[in-house]
Amino acid sequence: MFYRRSGKHDVPAGMTYSEANKRALKSLVDRGVVPGLIGYDNGRPIGWVSLGPRQDYARLKRSPVMKPVDEKPVWSIICFVVDPKARHSGVAEAMLSGAVTWARKQGVTLLEAYPCDKPAKASDDSMWFGAKPMFDRAGFVEVARRKPTRPVMRKSLRGARRVT
């Protein structure tokens, strides 16, 4: 929910920040918004990828790294979460592949992501944006770089058509 909001976020009295985020996420789902995809292993959730129309992520407009590259309609892949027990087993890469497939089925023609590009292996808890090599392997190309370790990458989904 962090990137879906811009500015200060007030939490209702008697509720934790986490509870408020869960309630806001449930509200999106209740309205028919798909805020991301969940990956399962034998019925157990092990991964999450947040993606959707760029305009749904208010914080991106103000971000010096993730601000718009141009005016093209684009969907953004914001973050990944992988269960610590399932890390280093290809879950994020599978989630990215699933996100590309799902976006194409939704009629999306251009996907954008903001991964980390670090010369050495980074700690898992700082890699929620994903790693650049993963996006390279998935056919994304760098279109901007506003900080040394944070490229903006895109993948064209030509011929995308909505499947109902």
N, C-alpha and C. Protein backbone atom coordinates (compact mmCIF):
# COMPACT_ATOMS: atom_id res chain seq x y z
N MET A 1 0.82 -1.20 0.00
CA MET A 1 0.00 0.00 0.00
C MET A 1 0.86 1.26 0.00
N PHE A 2 2.13 1.15 0.38
CA PHE A 2 2.99 2.32 0.49
C PHE A 2 3.00 3.14 -0.81
N TYR A 3 3.16 2.48 -1.95
CA TYR A 3 3.26 3.21 -3.20
C TYR A 3 1.90 3.63 -3.77
N ARG A 4 0.83 3.11 -3.24
CA ARG A 4 -0.51 3.51 -3.69
C ARG A 4 -0.94 4.83 -3.05
N ARG A 5 -0.21 5.26 -2.03
CA ARG A 5 -0.54 6.51 -1.34
C ARG A 5 0.58 7.51 -1.56
N SER A 6 0.24 8.77 -1.40
CA SER A 6 1.25 9.82 -1.46
C SER A 6 1.04 10.73 -0.26
N GLY A 7 2.12 11.07 0.40
CA GLY A 7 2.01 11.94 1.56
C GLY A 7 1.73 11.16 2.83
N LYS A 8 1.39 11.90 3.87
CA LYS A 8 1.17 11.31 5.19
C LYS A 8 -0.07 10.43 5.18
N HIS A 9 0.02 9.31 5.86
CA HIS A 9 -1.09 8.37 5.95
C HIS A 9 -1.54 8.27 7.40
N ASP A 10 -2.77 8.71 7.68
CA ASP A 10 -3.31 8.63 9.03
C ASP A 10 -3.92 7.25 9.26
N VAL A 11 -3.69 6.73 10.45
CA VAL A 11 -4.24 5.43 10.84
C VAL A 11 -5.41 5.67 11.77
N PRO A 12 -6.55 5.01 11.50
CA PRO A 12 -7.71 5.19 12.39
C PRO A 12 -7.38 4.83 13.83
N ALA A 13 -8.02 5.51 14.76
CA ALA A 13 -7.79 5.28 16.19
C ALA A 13 -8.02 3.80 16.53
N GLY A 14 -7.14 3.26 17.35
CA GLY A 14 -7.27 1.88 17.80
C GLY A 14 -6.80 0.85 16.79
N MET A 15 -6.18 1.29 15.69
CA MET A 15 -5.73 0.37 14.66
C MET A 15 -4.24 0.56 14.41
N THR A 16 -3.54 -0.51 14.18
CA THR A 16 -2.12 -0.40 13.85
C THR A 16 -1.97 -0.02 12.38
N TYR A 17 -0.78 0.42 12.01
CA TYR A 17 -0.49 0.76 10.62
C TYR A 17 -0.69 -0.47 9.73
N SER A 18 -0.24 -1.62 10.21
CA SER A 18 -0.40 -2.87 9.46
C SER A 18 -1.88 -3.21 9.25
N GLU A 19 -2.67 -3.07 10.29
CA GLU A 19 -4.11 -3.36 10.18
C GLU A 19 -4.77 -2.40 9.19
N ALA A 20 -4.38 -1.14 9.22
CA ALA A 20 -4.94 -0.16 8.29
C ALA A 20 -4.58 -0.51 6.85
N ASN A 21 -3.34 -0.96 6.63
CA ASN A 21 -2.94 -1.38 5.28
C ASN A 21 -3.74 -2.59 4.82
N LYS A 22 -3.92 -3.56 5.69
CA LYS A 22 -4.71 -4.75 5.34
C LYS A 22 -6.13 -4.36 4.98
N ARG A 23 -6.71 -3.46 5.74
CA ARG A 23 -8.07 -3.01 5.47
C ARG A 23 -8.15 -2.28 4.13
N ALA A 24 -7.16 -1.43 3.84
CA ALA A 24 -7.14 -0.70 2.58
C ALA A 24 -6.97 -1.65 1.40
N LEU A 25 -6.11 -2.65 1.56
CA LEU A 25 -5.92 -3.64 0.50
C LEU A 25 -7.19 -4.44 0.26
N LYS A 26 -7.85 -4.84 1.32
CA LYS A 26 -9.11 -5.57 1.19
C LYS A 26 -10.16 -4.71 0.51
N SER A 27 -10.17 -3.43 0.80
CA SER A 27 -11.11 -2.51 0.15
C SER A 27 -10.88 -2.47 -1.36
N LEU A 28 -9.62 -2.47 -1.77
CA LEU A 28 -9.32 -2.51 -3.21
C LEU A 28 -9.89 -3.77 -3.84
N VAL A 29 -9.62 -4.90 -3.21
CA VAL A 29 -10.10 -6.18 -3.73
C VAL A 29 -11.62 -6.21 -3.77
N ASP A 30 -12.27 -5.70 -2.72
CA ASP A 30 -13.73 -5.67 -2.66
C ASP A 30 -14.32 -4.82 -3.79
N ARG A 31 -13.55 -3.83 -4.26
CA ARG A 31 -14.01 -2.98 -5.38
C ARG A 31 -13.68 -3.59 -6.73
N GLY A 32 -13.05 -4.75 -6.74
CA GLY A 32 -12.74 -5.42 -8.00
C GLY A 32 -11.36 -5.14 -8.54
N VAL A 33 -10.53 -4.43 -7.78
CA VAL A 33 -9.15 -4.15 -8.19
C VAL A 33 -8.29 -5.36 -7.85
N VAL A 34 -7.48 -5.80 -8.79
CA VAL A 34 -6.51 -6.86 -8.52
C VAL A 34 -5.19 -6.15 -8.22
N PRO A 35 -4.79 -6.08 -6.95
CA PRO A 35 -3.59 -5.32 -6.58
C PRO A 35 -2.28 -6.06 -6.80
N GLY A 36 -2.37 -7.32 -7.14
CA GLY A 36 -1.17 -8.11 -7.35
C GLY A 36 -1.52 -9.58 -7.46
N LEU A 37 -0.49 -10.39 -7.53
CA LEU A 37 -0.67 -11.83 -7.69
C LEU A 37 0.04 -12.57 -6.57
N ILE A 38 -0.53 -13.70 -6.17
CA ILE A 38 0.05 -14.53 -5.11
C ILE A 38 0.54 -15.83 -5.74
N GLY A 39 1.74 -16.25 -5.35
CA GLY A 39 2.28 -17.53 -5.80
C GLY A 39 2.16 -18.56 -4.69
N TYR A 40 1.80 -19.77 -5.07
CA TYR A 40 1.59 -20.84 -4.09
C TYR A 40 2.53 -22.02 -4.38
N ASP A 41 2.87 -22.73 -3.33
CA ASP A 41 3.59 -23.99 -3.42
C ASP A 41 2.81 -25.00 -2.60
N ASN A 42 2.19 -25.96 -3.28
CA ASN A 42 1.36 -26.96 -2.60
C ASN A 42 0.32 -26.32 -1.69
N GLY A 43 -0.33 -25.28 -2.19
CA GLY A 43 -1.40 -24.62 -1.43
C GLY A 43 -0.94 -23.60 -0.42
N ARG A 44 0.36 -23.44 -0.25
CA ARG A 44 0.90 -22.49 0.73
C ARG A 44 1.38 -21.24 0.00
N PRO A 45 0.89 -20.04 0.38
CA PRO A 45 1.38 -18.83 -0.29
C PRO A 45 2.85 -18.59 0.02
N ILE A 46 3.65 -18.40 -1.04
CA ILE A 46 5.09 -18.19 -0.85
C ILE A 46 5.60 -16.95 -1.56
N GLY A 47 4.77 -16.32 -2.39
CA GLY A 47 5.24 -15.15 -3.12
C GLY A 47 4.12 -14.19 -3.45
N TRP A 48 4.52 -12.94 -3.66
CA TRP A 48 3.58 -11.85 -4.00
C TRP A 48 4.29 -10.92 -4.94
N VAL A 49 3.57 -10.44 -5.96
CA VAL A 49 4.07 -9.37 -6.81
C VAL A 49 2.95 -8.33 -6.92
N SER A 50 3.30 -7.08 -6.68
CA SER A 50 2.35 -5.98 -6.79
C SER A 50 2.51 -5.35 -8.16
N LEU A 51 1.41 -5.27 -8.92
CA LEU A 51 1.45 -4.62 -10.22
C LEU A 51 0.09 -4.05 -10.54
N GLY A 52 0.09 -3.07 -11.43
CA GLY A 52 -1.16 -2.46 -11.87
C GLY A 52 -0.86 -1.21 -12.66
N PRO A 53 -1.92 -0.53 -13.09
CA PRO A 53 -1.73 0.70 -13.85
C PRO A 53 -0.90 1.71 -13.06
N ARG A 54 0.04 2.32 -13.72
CA ARG A 54 0.94 3.28 -13.07
C ARG A 54 0.18 4.32 -12.27
N GLN A 55 -0.94 4.80 -12.81
CA GLN A 55 -1.69 5.86 -12.12
C GLN A 55 -2.29 5.39 -10.79
N ASP A 56 -2.34 4.08 -10.55
CA ASP A 56 -2.83 3.57 -9.27
C ASP A 56 -1.80 3.73 -8.15
N TYR A 57 -0.58 4.07 -8.51
CA TYR A 57 0.51 4.20 -7.53
C TYR A 57 0.88 5.69 -7.39
N ALA A 58 0.18 6.38 -6.53
CA ALA A 58 0.33 7.83 -6.37
C ALA A 58 1.76 8.25 -6.04
N ARG A 59 2.47 7.46 -5.27
CA ARG A 59 3.82 7.84 -4.83
C ARG A 59 4.82 7.88 -5.99
N LEU A 60 4.55 7.17 -7.07
CA LEU A 60 5.48 7.15 -8.20
C LEU A 60 5.63 8.53 -8.84
N LYS A 61 4.58 9.33 -8.79
CA LYS A 61 4.63 10.66 -9.42
C LYS A 61 5.71 11.54 -8.80
N ARG A 62 5.95 11.37 -7.49
CA ARG A 62 6.90 12.22 -6.77
C ARG A 62 8.28 11.60 -6.66
N SER A 63 8.42 10.35 -7.04
CA SER A 63 9.68 9.65 -6.85
C SER A 63 10.75 10.14 -7.83
N PRO A 64 11.92 10.51 -7.34
CA PRO A 64 12.98 10.92 -8.26
C PRO A 64 13.48 9.76 -9.13
N VAL A 65 13.32 8.53 -8.66
CA VAL A 65 13.77 7.35 -9.40
C VAL A 65 12.68 6.83 -10.33
N MET A 66 11.45 6.80 -9.85
CA MET A 66 10.37 6.13 -10.55
C MET A 66 9.37 7.07 -11.23
N LYS A 67 9.70 8.34 -11.32
CA LYS A 67 8.81 9.29 -11.98
C LYS A 67 8.63 8.87 -13.44
N PRO A 68 7.56 9.35 -14.09
CA PRO A 68 7.29 8.93 -15.47
C PRO A 68 8.45 9.22 -16.42
N VAL A 69 8.69 8.27 -17.30
CA VAL A 69 9.71 8.42 -18.35
C VAL A 69 9.12 9.21 -19.51
N ASP A 70 7.83 8.96 -19.78
CA ASP A 70 7.11 9.61 -20.87
C ASP A 70 5.61 9.51 -20.57
N GLU A 71 4.81 9.81 -21.53
CA GLU A 71 3.35 9.80 -21.32
C GLU A 71 2.69 8.50 -21.77
N LYS A 72 3.45 7.50 -22.15
CA LYS A 72 2.88 6.24 -22.62
C LYS A 72 2.10 5.56 -21.50
N PRO A 73 0.97 4.92 -21.84
CA PRO A 73 0.24 4.18 -20.80
C PRO A 73 1.04 2.94 -20.41
N VAL A 74 1.31 2.81 -19.13
CA VAL A 74 2.18 1.75 -18.65
C VAL A 74 1.63 1.17 -17.35
N TRP A 75 1.85 -0.11 -17.16
CA TRP A 75 1.59 -0.74 -15.88
C TRP A 75 2.92 -0.89 -15.17
N SER A 76 2.90 -0.74 -13.86
CA SER A 76 4.11 -0.81 -13.05
C SER A 76 4.14 -2.08 -12.21
N ILE A 77 5.31 -2.67 -12.17
CA ILE A 77 5.58 -3.76 -11.23
C ILE A 77 6.35 -3.11 -10.09
N ILE A 78 5.72 -3.08 -8.93
CA ILE A 78 6.25 -2.31 -7.81
C ILE A 78 7.13 -3.12 -6.88
N CYS A 79 6.68 -4.29 -6.47
CA CYS A 79 7.48 -5.02 -5.50
C CYS A 79 7.18 -6.50 -5.50
N PHE A 80 8.10 -7.23 -4.90
CA PHE A 80 7.98 -8.68 -4.71
C PHE A 80 8.14 -8.96 -3.22
N VAL A 81 7.44 -9.96 -2.75
CA VAL A 81 7.65 -10.49 -1.40
C VAL A 81 7.75 -12.00 -1.56
N VAL A 82 8.80 -12.58 -1.02
CA VAL A 82 8.99 -14.03 -1.07
C VAL A 82 9.20 -14.53 0.35
N ASP A 83 8.46 -15.57 0.70
CA ASP A 83 8.61 -16.18 2.02
C ASP A 83 10.08 -16.52 2.23
N PRO A 84 10.64 -16.15 3.38
CA PRO A 84 12.07 -16.42 3.62
C PRO A 84 12.47 -17.89 3.41
N LYS A 85 11.57 -18.81 3.69
CA LYS A 85 11.87 -20.23 3.51
C LYS A 85 11.95 -20.61 2.04
N ALA A 86 11.38 -19.78 1.16
CA ALA A 86 11.34 -20.11 -0.27
C ALA A 86 12.32 -19.27 -1.10
N ARG A 87 13.09 -18.42 -0.44
CA ARG A 87 14.02 -17.56 -1.17
C ARG A 87 15.14 -18.37 -1.82
N HIS A 88 15.69 -17.81 -2.88
CA HIS A 88 16.80 -18.41 -3.63
C HIS A 88 16.38 -19.70 -4.33
N SER A 89 15.09 -19.79 -4.68
CA SER A 89 14.60 -20.98 -5.38
C SER A 89 13.82 -20.61 -6.64
N GLY A 90 13.94 -19.34 -7.08
CA GLY A 90 13.28 -18.94 -8.33
C GLY A 90 11.87 -18.42 -8.18
N VAL A 91 11.42 -18.19 -6.95
CA VAL A 91 10.04 -17.74 -6.75
C VAL A 91 9.81 -16.37 -7.38
N ALA A 92 10.70 -15.42 -7.13
CA ALA A 92 10.50 -14.07 -7.70
C ALA A 92 10.48 -14.13 -9.22
N GLU A 93 11.35 -14.92 -9.81
CA GLU A 93 11.38 -15.04 -11.27
C GLU A 93 10.08 -15.66 -11.79
N ALA A 94 9.55 -16.66 -11.09
CA ALA A 94 8.27 -17.26 -11.47
C ALA A 94 7.15 -16.24 -11.30
N MET A 95 7.21 -15.43 -10.26
CA MET A 95 6.19 -14.39 -10.05
C MET A 95 6.25 -13.37 -11.18
N LEU A 96 7.46 -12.99 -11.60
CA LEU A 96 7.60 -12.04 -12.70
C LEU A 96 7.01 -12.62 -13.98
N SER A 97 7.31 -13.87 -14.27
CA SER A 97 6.76 -14.53 -15.45
C SER A 97 5.23 -14.55 -15.40
N GLY A 98 4.69 -14.89 -14.25
CA GLY A 98 3.24 -14.89 -14.07
C GLY A 98 2.64 -13.51 -14.23
N ALA A 99 3.34 -12.49 -13.73
CA ALA A 99 2.85 -11.11 -13.85
C ALA A 99 2.81 -10.68 -15.31
N VAL A 100 3.84 -11.03 -16.08
CA VAL A 100 3.87 -10.69 -17.52
C VAL A 100 2.70 -11.37 -18.23
N THR A 101 2.52 -12.65 -17.97
CA THR A 101 1.42 -13.40 -18.61
C THR A 101 0.08 -12.81 -18.23
N TRP A 102 -0.13 -12.53 -16.96
CA TRP A 102 -1.40 -12.00 -16.49
C TRP A 102 -1.66 -10.61 -17.08
N ALA A 103 -0.63 -9.76 -17.08
CA ALA A 103 -0.79 -8.40 -17.64
C ALA A 103 -1.17 -8.48 -19.12
N ARG A 104 -0.53 -9.36 -19.86
CA ARG A 104 -0.85 -9.52 -21.28
C ARG A 104 -2.32 -9.90 -21.45
N LYS A 105 -2.81 -10.81 -20.61
CA LYS A 105 -4.22 -11.22 -20.68
C LYS A 105 -5.17 -10.08 -20.34
N GLN A 106 -4.67 -9.10 -19.58
CA GLN A 106 -5.50 -7.94 -19.23
C GLN A 106 -5.48 -6.87 -20.33
N GLY A 107 -4.70 -7.09 -21.38
CA GLY A 107 -4.61 -6.12 -22.47
C GLY A 107 -3.52 -5.09 -22.30
N VAL A 108 -2.65 -5.28 -21.31
CA VAL A 108 -1.55 -4.35 -21.08
C VAL A 108 -0.55 -4.48 -22.23
N THR A 109 -0.07 -3.35 -22.72
CA THR A 109 0.89 -3.38 -23.82
C THR A 109 2.30 -2.97 -23.40
N LEU A 110 2.44 -2.38 -22.21
CA LEU A 110 3.75 -1.94 -21.75
C LEU A 110 3.86 -2.09 -20.24
N LEU A 111 4.85 -2.87 -19.80
CA LEU A 111 5.13 -3.07 -18.37
C LEU A 111 6.41 -2.34 -18.01
N GLU A 112 6.44 -1.79 -16.80
CA GLU A 112 7.60 -1.05 -16.33
C GLU A 112 7.96 -1.54 -14.93
N ALA A 113 9.27 -1.56 -14.63
CA ALA A 113 9.74 -1.98 -13.31
C ALA A 113 10.93 -1.13 -12.90
N TYR A 114 11.26 -1.17 -11.62
CA TYR A 114 12.27 -0.30 -11.03
C TYR A 114 13.23 -1.12 -10.16
N PRO A 115 13.91 -2.10 -10.72
CA PRO A 115 14.72 -3.02 -9.93
C PRO A 115 15.99 -2.40 -9.37
N CYS A 116 16.64 -3.17 -8.53
CA CYS A 116 17.96 -2.80 -7.99
C CYS A 116 19.04 -3.38 -8.90
N ASP A 117 20.10 -2.62 -9.11
CA ASP A 117 21.23 -3.07 -9.91
C ASP A 117 22.49 -2.81 -9.10
N LYS A 118 22.84 -3.80 -8.29
CA LYS A 118 23.99 -3.65 -7.40
C LYS A 118 25.10 -4.58 -7.86
N PRO A 119 26.35 -4.13 -7.75
CA PRO A 119 27.47 -4.94 -8.23
C PRO A 119 27.70 -6.21 -7.42
N ALA A 120 27.31 -6.21 -6.16
CA ALA A 120 27.49 -7.38 -5.31
C ALA A 120 26.13 -7.85 -4.81
N LYS A 121 26.08 -9.06 -4.34
CA LYS A 121 24.84 -9.61 -3.82
C LYS A 121 24.34 -8.73 -2.66
N ALA A 122 23.07 -8.40 -2.71
CA ALA A 122 22.48 -7.55 -1.68
C ALA A 122 21.68 -8.40 -0.70
N SER A 123 21.44 -7.85 0.48
CA SER A 123 20.64 -8.59 1.45
C SER A 123 19.21 -8.73 0.93
N ASP A 124 18.59 -9.85 1.25
CA ASP A 124 17.25 -10.15 0.75
C ASP A 124 16.23 -9.07 1.08
N ASP A 125 16.34 -8.51 2.28
CA ASP A 125 15.32 -7.56 2.70
C ASP A 125 15.40 -6.21 1.98
N SER A 126 16.41 -5.99 1.16
CA SER A 126 16.49 -4.75 0.40
C SER A 126 16.14 -4.95 -1.07
N MET A 127 15.70 -6.15 -1.42
CA MET A 127 15.50 -6.47 -2.84
C MET A 127 14.02 -6.58 -3.23
N TRP A 128 13.14 -5.90 -2.52
CA TRP A 128 11.71 -6.02 -2.84
C TRP A 128 11.37 -5.51 -4.23
N PHE A 129 12.20 -4.69 -4.83
CA PHE A 129 11.95 -4.23 -6.21
C PHE A 129 12.38 -5.27 -7.24
N GLY A 130 13.11 -6.28 -6.82
CA GLY A 130 13.66 -7.26 -7.74
C GLY A 130 15.05 -6.86 -8.18
N ALA A 131 15.76 -7.78 -8.77
CA ALA A 131 17.12 -7.55 -9.24
C ALA A 131 17.12 -7.37 -10.76
N LYS A 132 17.94 -6.44 -11.24
CA LYS A 132 18.00 -6.15 -12.67
C LYS A 132 18.24 -7.40 -13.52
N PRO A 133 19.17 -8.29 -13.16
CA PRO A 133 19.38 -9.47 -14.01
C PRO A 133 18.12 -10.31 -14.23
N MET A 134 17.24 -10.36 -13.24
CA MET A 134 15.99 -11.10 -13.39
C MET A 134 15.13 -10.46 -14.48
N PHE A 135 15.08 -9.14 -14.50
CA PHE A 135 14.30 -8.44 -15.53
C PHE A 135 14.98 -8.56 -16.89
N ASP A 136 16.30 -8.53 -16.92
CA ASP A 136 17.03 -8.75 -18.18
C ASP A 136 16.63 -10.09 -18.79
N ARG A 137 16.65 -11.14 -17.97
CA ARG A 137 16.30 -12.49 -18.46
C ARG A 137 14.87 -12.56 -18.95
N ALA A 138 13.99 -11.72 -18.40
CA ALA A 138 12.58 -11.73 -18.79
C ALA A 138 12.30 -10.85 -20.01
N GLY A 139 13.35 -10.25 -20.58
CA GLY A 139 13.17 -9.45 -21.79
C GLY A 139 12.87 -7.98 -21.57
N PHE A 140 13.05 -7.50 -20.35
CA PHE A 140 12.88 -6.07 -20.09
C PHE A 140 14.15 -5.35 -20.56
N VAL A 141 13.99 -4.09 -20.98
CA VAL A 141 15.15 -3.29 -21.39
C VAL A 141 15.17 -2.01 -20.57
N GLU A 142 16.38 -1.54 -20.30
CA GLU A 142 16.55 -0.31 -19.53
C GLU A 142 16.17 0.89 -20.40
N VAL A 143 15.32 1.77 -19.85
CA VAL A 143 14.89 2.97 -20.60
C VAL A 143 15.30 4.26 -19.90
N ALA A 144 15.72 4.16 -18.63
CA ALA A 144 16.17 5.34 -17.88
C ALA A 144 16.95 4.85 -16.67
N ARG A 145 17.80 5.75 -16.14
CA ARG A 145 18.54 5.45 -14.91
C ARG A 145 18.80 6.78 -14.25
N ARG A 146 18.10 7.01 -13.16
CA ARG A 146 18.21 8.29 -12.46
C ARG A 146 19.09 8.22 -11.23
N LYS A 147 19.41 7.01 -10.79
CA LYS A 147 20.36 6.76 -9.71
C LYS A 147 21.24 5.61 -10.17
N PRO A 148 22.49 5.56 -9.75
CA PRO A 148 23.41 4.54 -10.25
C PRO A 148 22.92 3.10 -10.10
N THR A 149 22.18 2.80 -9.04
CA THR A 149 21.76 1.41 -8.81
C THR A 149 20.28 1.16 -9.08
N ARG A 150 19.58 2.11 -9.74
CA ARG A 150 18.13 1.97 -9.91
C ARG A 150 17.69 2.28 -11.34
N PRO A 151 17.76 1.30 -12.24
CA PRO A 151 17.27 1.52 -13.60
C PRO A 151 15.74 1.49 -13.65
N VAL A 152 15.20 2.10 -14.68
CA VAL A 152 13.79 1.95 -15.04
C VAL A 152 13.80 1.02 -16.25
N MET A 153 13.05 -0.08 -16.15
CA MET A 153 13.07 -1.07 -17.22
C MET A 153 11.66 -1.30 -17.75
N ARG A 154 11.59 -1.59 -19.05
CA ARG A 154 10.29 -1.81 -19.68
C ARG A 154 10.30 -3.07 -20.54
N LYS A 155 9.10 -3.60 -20.68
CA LYS A 155 8.89 -4.73 -21.58
C LYS A 155 7.62 -4.45 -22.37
N SER A 156 7.75 -4.50 -23.69
CA SER A 156 6.60 -4.33 -24.57
C SER A 156 5.85 -5.65 -24.67
N LEU A 157 4.56 -5.58 -24.51
CA LEU A 157 3.71 -6.77 -24.64
C LEU A 157 2.89 -6.62 -25.91
N ARG A 158 3.54 -6.54 -27.02
CA ARG A 158 2.87 -6.36 -28.32
C ARG A 158 1.84 -7.46 -28.53
N GLY A 159 0.79 -7.07 -29.20
CA GLY A 159 -0.24 -8.04 -29.51
C GLY A 159 -1.07 -8.46 -28.29
N ALA A 160 -0.92 -7.70 -27.20
CA ALA A 160 -1.69 -8.04 -26.00
C ALA A 160 -3.15 -7.84 -26.30
N ARG A 161 -3.95 -8.77 -25.81
CA ARG A 161 -5.38 -8.62 -25.96
C ARG A 161 -6.06 -9.13 -24.71
N ARG A 162 -7.12 -8.48 -24.37
CA ARG A 162 -7.84 -8.85 -23.16
C ARG A 162 -8.56 -10.17 -23.36
N VAL A 163 -8.36 -11.10 -22.42
CA VAL A 163 -9.04 -12.38 -22.44
C VAL A 163 -10.10 -12.33 -21.36
N THR A 164 -11.32 -12.62 -21.72
CA THR A 164 -12.40 -12.58 -20.70
C THR A 164 -12.93 -13.94 -20.41
